[in-house]
Protein backbone atom coordinates (compact mmCIF):
# COMPACT_ATOMS: atom_id res chain seq x y z
CA MET A 1 54.56 -6.68 15.95
CA ARG A 2 57.90 -4.67 16.51
CA PRO A 3 58.31 -2.59 20.30
CA PHE A 4 57.39 0.74 20.11
CA HIS A 5 57.27 3.44 22.82
CA TYR A 6 53.37 4.41 23.96
CA GLU A 7 52.21 7.70 25.05
CA ARG A 8 48.79 9.00 25.87
CA ALA A 9 48.09 12.19 24.92
CA ALA A 10 45.77 14.65 27.23
CA GLY A 11 45.43 17.21 24.67
CA ARG A 12 45.90 18.04 20.88
CA ALA A 13 49.23 20.10 22.06
CA GLN A 14 50.69 17.20 23.59
CA ALA A 15 49.51 14.78 20.86
CA VAL A 16 51.13 16.83 17.88
CA HIS A 17 54.39 17.52 19.87
CA ALA A 18 54.48 13.65 20.96
CA ALA A 19 53.67 12.90 16.96
CA ALA A 20 56.52 14.80 15.91
CA ALA A 21 58.85 11.89 16.39
CA THR A 22 59.83 10.29 13.38
CA ALA A 23 57.97 7.06 12.69
CA ALA A 24 55.33 8.22 14.87
CA GLN A 25 51.66 7.21 14.86
CA TYR A 26 48.34 8.45 16.28
CA LEU A 27 45.87 5.82 17.83
CA ALA A 28 42.22 5.86 18.15
CA GLY A 29 40.20 3.01 17.07
CA GLY A 30 43.28 1.37 16.02
CA THR A 31 41.25 -1.32 13.64
CA THR A 32 43.93 -0.58 10.83
CA LEU A 33 47.22 0.44 12.61
CA ILE A 34 47.16 -2.69 14.71
CA ASP A 35 46.16 -4.85 11.63
CA LEU A 36 49.19 -3.19 10.07
CA MET A 37 51.49 -3.48 12.60
CA LYS A 38 50.85 -7.21 13.37
CA LEU A 39 51.49 -7.57 9.31
CA ASP A 40 55.02 -5.97 10.00
CA VAL A 41 53.64 -3.60 7.31
CA MET A 42 53.66 -0.43 9.41
CA ARG A 43 56.69 -0.06 12.10
CA PRO A 44 55.62 3.00 14.14
CA THR A 45 58.47 3.81 16.61
CA VAL A 46 56.03 6.02 18.76
CA VAL A 47 52.20 5.22 19.01
CA VAL A 48 50.54 8.65 20.19
CA ASP A 49 46.99 7.61 21.83
CA ILE A 50 44.61 10.33 21.10
CA ASN A 51 41.40 9.02 22.43
CA ALA A 52 41.41 11.78 25.34
CA LEU A 53 40.38 14.41 22.71
CA ALA A 54 37.26 13.27 21.92
CA ALA A 55 35.70 15.50 24.22
CA GLU A 56 36.98 18.02 22.04
CA HIS A 57 36.92 16.50 18.76
CA GLY A 58 34.18 13.92 18.77
CA GLU A 59 31.40 16.08 17.69
CA ILE A 60 28.30 15.37 15.56
CA ARG A 61 26.26 18.55 14.58
CA LEU A 62 24.33 20.22 12.18
CA ASP A 63 25.76 23.77 11.90
CA GLY A 64 23.58 25.64 9.93
CA ASP A 65 24.61 25.10 6.75
CA HIS A 66 26.99 22.57 7.28
CA LEU A 67 27.44 19.17 9.23
CA ARG A 68 30.17 19.21 11.68
CA LEU A 69 32.04 15.61 12.24
CA GLY A 70 34.83 15.52 14.90
CA ALA A 71 37.54 13.44 13.65
CA LEU A 72 37.17 10.80 16.65
CA ALA A 73 33.57 10.44 16.49
CA ARG A 74 32.82 6.84 15.71
CA MET A 75 31.50 5.27 12.62
CA SER A 76 28.76 3.94 14.22
CA ASP A 77 27.34 6.99 16.02
CA VAL A 78 27.71 9.15 13.23
CA ALA A 79 25.63 6.77 10.84
CA ASP A 80 22.99 6.20 13.80
CA HIS A 81 22.78 10.07 14.17
CA PRO A 82 19.19 11.62 13.50
CA ALA A 83 20.47 14.36 11.23
CA VAL A 84 22.99 12.31 9.47
CA ARG A 85 20.43 9.88 8.56
CA SER A 86 17.57 11.94 7.36
CA ASP A 87 19.82 15.16 5.68
CA PHE A 88 23.08 13.19 4.45
CA PRO A 89 21.69 9.53 3.98
CA VAL A 90 24.88 9.14 1.75
CA ILE A 91 27.14 9.34 4.98
CA ALA A 92 25.10 7.25 7.07
CA GLN A 93 25.04 4.93 4.34
CA SER A 94 28.49 4.79 3.61
CA LEU A 95 29.13 4.19 7.24
CA ASP A 96 26.79 1.25 7.44
CA LEU A 97 28.10 -0.23 4.74
CA ALA A 98 32.00 0.16 5.75
CA ALA A 99 32.64 -2.68 8.38
CA SER A 100 31.28 -5.13 10.98
CA PRO A 101 29.17 -3.47 13.71
CA GLN A 102 32.04 -3.89 16.33
CA ILE A 103 34.80 -2.23 13.64
CA ARG A 104 32.06 0.71 13.46
CA ASN A 105 31.80 0.80 17.00
CA MET A 106 35.26 1.07 17.42
CA ALA A 107 36.88 3.29 14.30
CA SER A 108 37.31 6.78 14.36
CA LEU A 109 36.04 9.09 11.36
CA GLY A 110 39.66 10.30 11.17
CA GLY A 111 41.47 7.23 11.06
CA ASN A 112 38.60 5.78 8.64
CA VAL A 113 39.74 8.49 6.11
CA LEU A 114 43.70 7.42 6.25
CA GLN A 115 42.77 3.53 6.07
CA ARG A 116 45.38 2.06 3.71
CA THR A 117 44.87 -0.07 0.52
CA ARG A 118 44.13 -3.72 0.83
CA CYS A 119 46.66 -4.62 -2.02
CA GLU A 120 47.76 -8.15 -1.12
CA TYR A 121 51.34 -6.93 -2.46
CA PHE A 122 51.19 -4.31 0.21
CA ARG A 123 50.11 -6.31 3.11
CA ASP A 124 52.40 -9.03 2.51
CA PRO A 125 55.88 -7.79 3.07
CA SER A 126 57.34 -11.36 1.65
CA TRP A 127 56.20 -9.90 -1.64
CA SER A 128 59.59 -7.61 -2.05
CA ALA A 129 58.18 -5.74 -4.99
CA CYS A 130 55.66 -3.15 -3.84
CA ASN A 131 56.72 0.71 -4.39
CA LYS A 132 53.94 1.71 -1.80
CA ARG A 133 55.52 0.20 0.76
CA ASP A 134 59.13 0.15 -0.37
CA PRO A 135 59.76 2.78 -2.49
CA GLY A 136 61.38 1.87 -5.76
CA SER A 137 61.24 -2.06 -5.46
CA GLY A 138 58.76 -2.29 -8.05
CA CYS A 139 54.66 -3.27 -8.46
CA ALA A 140 54.05 -6.91 -8.53
CA ALA A 141 50.04 -5.78 -8.64
CA MET A 142 50.84 -5.13 -12.18
CA GLU A 143 50.93 -8.32 -13.51
CA GLY A 144 49.82 -10.26 -10.68
CA VAL A 145 46.34 -10.88 -8.57
CA ASN A 146 44.81 -7.30 -9.32
CA ARG A 147 40.81 -7.70 -9.53
CA LYS A 148 40.01 -5.55 -6.88
CA LEU A 149 42.43 -2.68 -7.55
CA ALA A 150 42.39 0.68 -8.82
CA ILE A 151 41.81 1.43 -12.70
CA LEU A 152 41.57 5.51 -12.27
CA GLY A 153 44.15 7.84 -11.15
CA VAL A 154 46.70 4.99 -11.11
CA SER A 155 50.69 5.46 -12.34
CA ASP A 156 53.27 2.67 -13.83
CA LYS A 157 54.32 2.81 -10.20
CA CYS A 158 51.30 1.33 -8.54
CA ILE A 159 47.78 0.44 -9.22
CA ALA A 160 46.59 0.14 -5.93
CA ASN A 161 43.11 1.40 -4.74
CA TYR A 162 41.94 3.14 -2.23
CA PRO A 163 39.41 1.00 -0.47
CA GLY A 164 36.90 3.08 2.25
CA ASP A 165 33.50 4.08 2.08
CA PHE A 166 32.94 7.39 4.07
CA ALA A 167 35.62 9.31 1.94
CA VAL A 168 33.92 8.58 -1.32
CA ALA A 169 31.05 10.70 0.32
CA LEU A 170 33.27 13.22 1.95
CA ALA A 171 34.73 13.71 -1.72
CA ALA A 172 31.19 13.67 -3.38
CA LEU A 173 29.93 16.17 -1.10
CA GLY A 174 32.92 18.41 -1.21
CA ALA A 175 34.10 18.18 2.13
CA THR A 176 36.72 20.12 4.02
CA VAL A 177 39.00 18.52 6.60
CA ASP A 178 40.45 20.27 9.45
CA VAL A 179 43.99 19.69 10.59
CA GLU A 180 46.55 20.73 13.70
CA GLY A 181 49.83 20.53 13.50
CA ALA A 182 53.32 21.96 15.11
CA ASN A 183 52.61 25.16 13.12
CA GLY A 184 49.04 25.50 13.75
CA GLY A 185 45.80 24.81 12.02
CA ARG A 186 44.57 24.72 8.47
CA VAL A 187 41.65 23.64 6.13
CA LEU A 188 41.90 21.43 3.26
CA ALA A 189 39.58 20.69 0.88
CA PHE A 190 38.72 16.56 1.34
CA GLU A 191 39.71 16.01 -2.24
CA ASP A 192 43.26 17.61 -1.85
CA LEU A 193 43.93 15.16 1.19
CA HIS A 194 44.89 12.02 -0.74
CA ARG A 195 47.70 12.01 -3.18
CA LEU A 196 47.19 10.11 -6.59
CA PRO A 197 50.40 7.84 -6.56
CA GLY A 198 52.33 9.34 -9.84
CA ASP A 199 56.43 8.55 -8.82
CA THR A 200 55.47 8.28 -5.28
CA PRO A 201 52.92 5.81 -4.13
CA HIS A 202 54.37 5.70 -0.79
CA ILE A 203 53.47 9.48 0.03
CA GLU A 204 49.65 8.85 0.34
CA THR A 205 48.47 12.30 1.66
CA ASN A 206 49.33 15.67 1.82
CA LEU A 207 49.49 15.82 5.48
CA LYS A 208 52.39 17.14 7.05
CA PRO A 209 54.82 15.06 9.38
CA GLY A 210 52.95 14.89 12.98
CA GLU A 211 49.73 16.99 11.54
CA LEU A 212 46.33 15.70 12.95
CA ILE A 213 42.76 15.47 11.68
CA THR A 214 40.41 17.32 13.83
CA GLY A 215 37.41 17.12 12.11
CA PHE A 216 35.50 17.32 8.94
CA SER A 217 32.84 19.79 7.67
CA VAL A 218 30.36 18.78 5.00
CA PRO A 219 28.22 21.84 3.27
CA ALA A 220 24.33 21.31 3.05
CA GLY A 221 22.62 21.59 -0.47
CA PRO A 222 19.52 20.68 -2.14
CA TRP A 223 21.26 17.48 -2.92
CA THR A 224 22.42 16.03 -0.01
CA ARG A 225 18.85 14.80 1.17
CA ARG A 226 18.36 13.28 -2.41
CA SER A 227 21.88 11.24 -1.99
CA LEU A 228 22.69 7.25 -1.76
CA TYR A 229 25.68 5.32 -1.51
CA LEU A 230 25.70 2.14 -3.69
CA LYS A 231 28.05 -0.71 -2.70
CA VAL A 232 28.89 -3.77 -5.18
CA ARG A 233 30.80 -6.41 -3.45
CA ASP A 234 31.80 -9.94 -3.63
CA ARG A 235 29.67 -10.57 -0.70
CA GLN A 236 27.05 -8.81 1.18
CA SER A 237 28.35 -8.53 4.34
CA TYR A 238 31.95 -6.96 5.65
CA GLU A 239 33.90 -6.68 2.34
CA PHE A 240 35.04 -3.97 0.35
CA ALA A 241 33.55 -2.49 -2.78
CA LEU A 242 34.91 -3.91 -6.02
CA ALA A 243 33.16 -0.82 -7.10
CA SER A 244 30.77 2.14 -5.31
CA ALA A 245 29.12 5.01 -6.05
CA ALA A 246 28.27 8.33 -3.65
CA VAL A 247 25.35 10.11 -5.38
CA ALA A 248 23.67 13.28 -4.28
CA LEU A 249 21.11 14.65 -6.69
CA ASP A 250 19.32 18.72 -7.10
CA LEU A 251 16.55 17.92 -9.29
CA ASP A 252 14.18 20.32 -10.88
CA GLY A 253 11.28 18.32 -12.03
CA GLY A 254 12.89 15.55 -13.92
CA ALA A 255 16.16 17.65 -14.70
CA VAL A 256 19.43 17.58 -12.98
CA ARG A 257 19.97 21.44 -11.42
CA GLU A 258 23.41 20.11 -10.12
CA ALA A 259 24.79 16.51 -8.95
CA ARG A 260 27.33 15.44 -6.85
CA ILE A 261 29.48 11.90 -7.80
CA GLY A 262 32.11 10.00 -5.91
CA LEU A 263 33.32 6.63 -7.01
CA GLY A 264 34.82 4.21 -4.79
CA GLY A 265 36.83 0.57 -5.19
CA VAL A 266 37.87 1.94 -8.55
CA ALA A 267 40.34 4.38 -8.10
CA ALA A 268 43.82 5.06 -6.49
CA LYS A 269 42.08 7.79 -3.95
CA PRO A 270 38.80 9.06 -2.96
CA TRP A 271 37.28 9.74 -6.58
CA ARG A 272 34.82 12.82 -7.37
CA SER A 273 33.96 12.43 -11.07
CA ALA A 274 33.42 15.98 -12.43
CA GLU A 275 33.24 14.35 -15.72
CA ALA A 276 30.22 12.70 -14.95
CA GLU A 277 28.43 15.69 -12.99
CA ALA A 278 28.80 17.99 -15.87
CA ALA A 279 27.47 15.36 -18.46
CA LEU A 280 24.22 15.33 -16.38
CA ARG A 281 24.10 18.95 -15.41
CA GLY A 282 20.86 20.63 -17.26
CA LYS A 283 19.44 17.30 -18.81
CA PRO A 284 16.67 15.24 -17.79
CA LEU A 285 17.68 12.29 -15.88
CA THR A 286 17.02 9.16 -18.04
CA GLU A 287 18.70 5.93 -18.33
CA ALA A 288 20.38 7.18 -21.49
CA THR A 289 21.70 10.42 -19.56
CA ALA A 290 22.87 8.27 -16.76
CA ARG A 291 24.70 6.07 -19.07
CA ALA A 292 26.32 8.68 -20.52
CA ALA A 293 27.58 10.19 -17.46
CA ALA A 294 28.78 6.78 -16.34
CA GLU A 295 31.03 6.45 -19.95
CA ALA A 296 32.12 10.10 -18.73
CA ALA A 297 33.19 8.87 -15.69
CA PHE A 298 35.27 6.24 -16.59
CA ALA A 299 36.66 7.35 -19.91
CA ARG A 300 40.04 7.61 -18.84
CA ALA A 301 40.23 4.06 -16.60
CA ALA A 302 43.28 2.23 -17.58
CA ALA A 303 42.22 -1.59 -17.17
CA SER A 304 43.95 -4.58 -18.34
CA GLY A 305 44.29 -8.51 -17.28
CA GLU A 306 41.97 -9.02 -14.25
CA LEU A 307 41.15 -5.28 -14.23
CA ALA A 308 39.01 -5.93 -17.52
CA PHE A 309 35.60 -6.20 -16.16
CA LYS A 310 35.85 -3.13 -13.81
CA PRO A 311 35.18 -0.26 -16.26
CA GLU A 312 32.04 -2.23 -17.38
CA LEU A 313 31.07 -2.97 -13.72
CA GLY A 314 31.82 0.97 -12.30
CA ARG A 315 29.68 2.35 -15.19
CA ARG A 316 26.55 -0.09 -14.20
CA THR A 317 27.22 0.82 -10.51
CA LEU A 318 26.47 4.47 -11.36
CA VAL A 319 23.96 4.10 -13.46
CA ARG A 320 22.02 2.34 -10.88
CA ALA A 321 22.71 4.60 -8.30
CA LEU A 322 21.52 7.83 -10.12
CA LEU A 323 18.20 6.23 -11.19
CA GLN A 324 17.64 5.06 -7.60
CA ALA A 325 18.53 8.30 -6.47
CA ARG A 326 16.32 9.91 -8.70
CA ALA A 327 13.05 7.55 -7.51
CA MET A 328 13.98 9.26 -3.61
CA GLU A 329 11.63 10.98 -2.00
CA ALA A 330 13.57 14.28 -1.10
């Protein structure tokens, strides 16, 4: 770990001002940042501790037709909140399945959605070819060990996947994210927070330098109670998804009035599948229509080599999630 300057911010304005420095990073739970600093992948010159902002930005509140979540709320607290568990089960499940209890007790929501890829070539600086870590150096994963990486939203510069779970649920539910910066606050659609790699995989979000995520707003709807998060992984505990699906349904009898579908483990960013949603809308939810939606979701998948199994795994994961959601009492 390299030397850095540590500053503890007493308020939001102080935090944003301190983070205006080049190569500054915010610190909440530190469950991602500290790991990457130890690996010498992230090298901040300034670390700004924002935990004092939790009193203002740590809320968990059902506010009319929206769920308000502060960016400094801890994952375990949100997953255990009665209103989240009953009215937004997909969010509770995505947090429950995300990590070990110790990490969930420490990790903040804001930090969680900004976690970086688990691609082995990104996390090991001894590999020189990683466009995400060293722009223009190439992508060793293209011809290397890539079984866990992305098949949706990739480019010829990067096939790293987004590893998180909670963000997939937020994308599916059409959440928004509140950010604060030197020029004031703004609200982004959560789907617009993360960027696809394109030619610049090292630029992962649309946050401006020094901007701080302060909270999330999740609209409630008739689909949020009939929702779930299904995660397929190599082992049942403390493992990242090979494929996952965040599904929320509004059913009229057996027909789909509305569907919200997010995909994880398979894409370069938290992925909402408008194609799968459109394939279901107005149709009876059967195994055949669920399969058709899954085919639509993965129609543009780019998979070769070790990744060849992933499109079918993704399709089967989505079909299973849809049928399980259909069977829920809501």
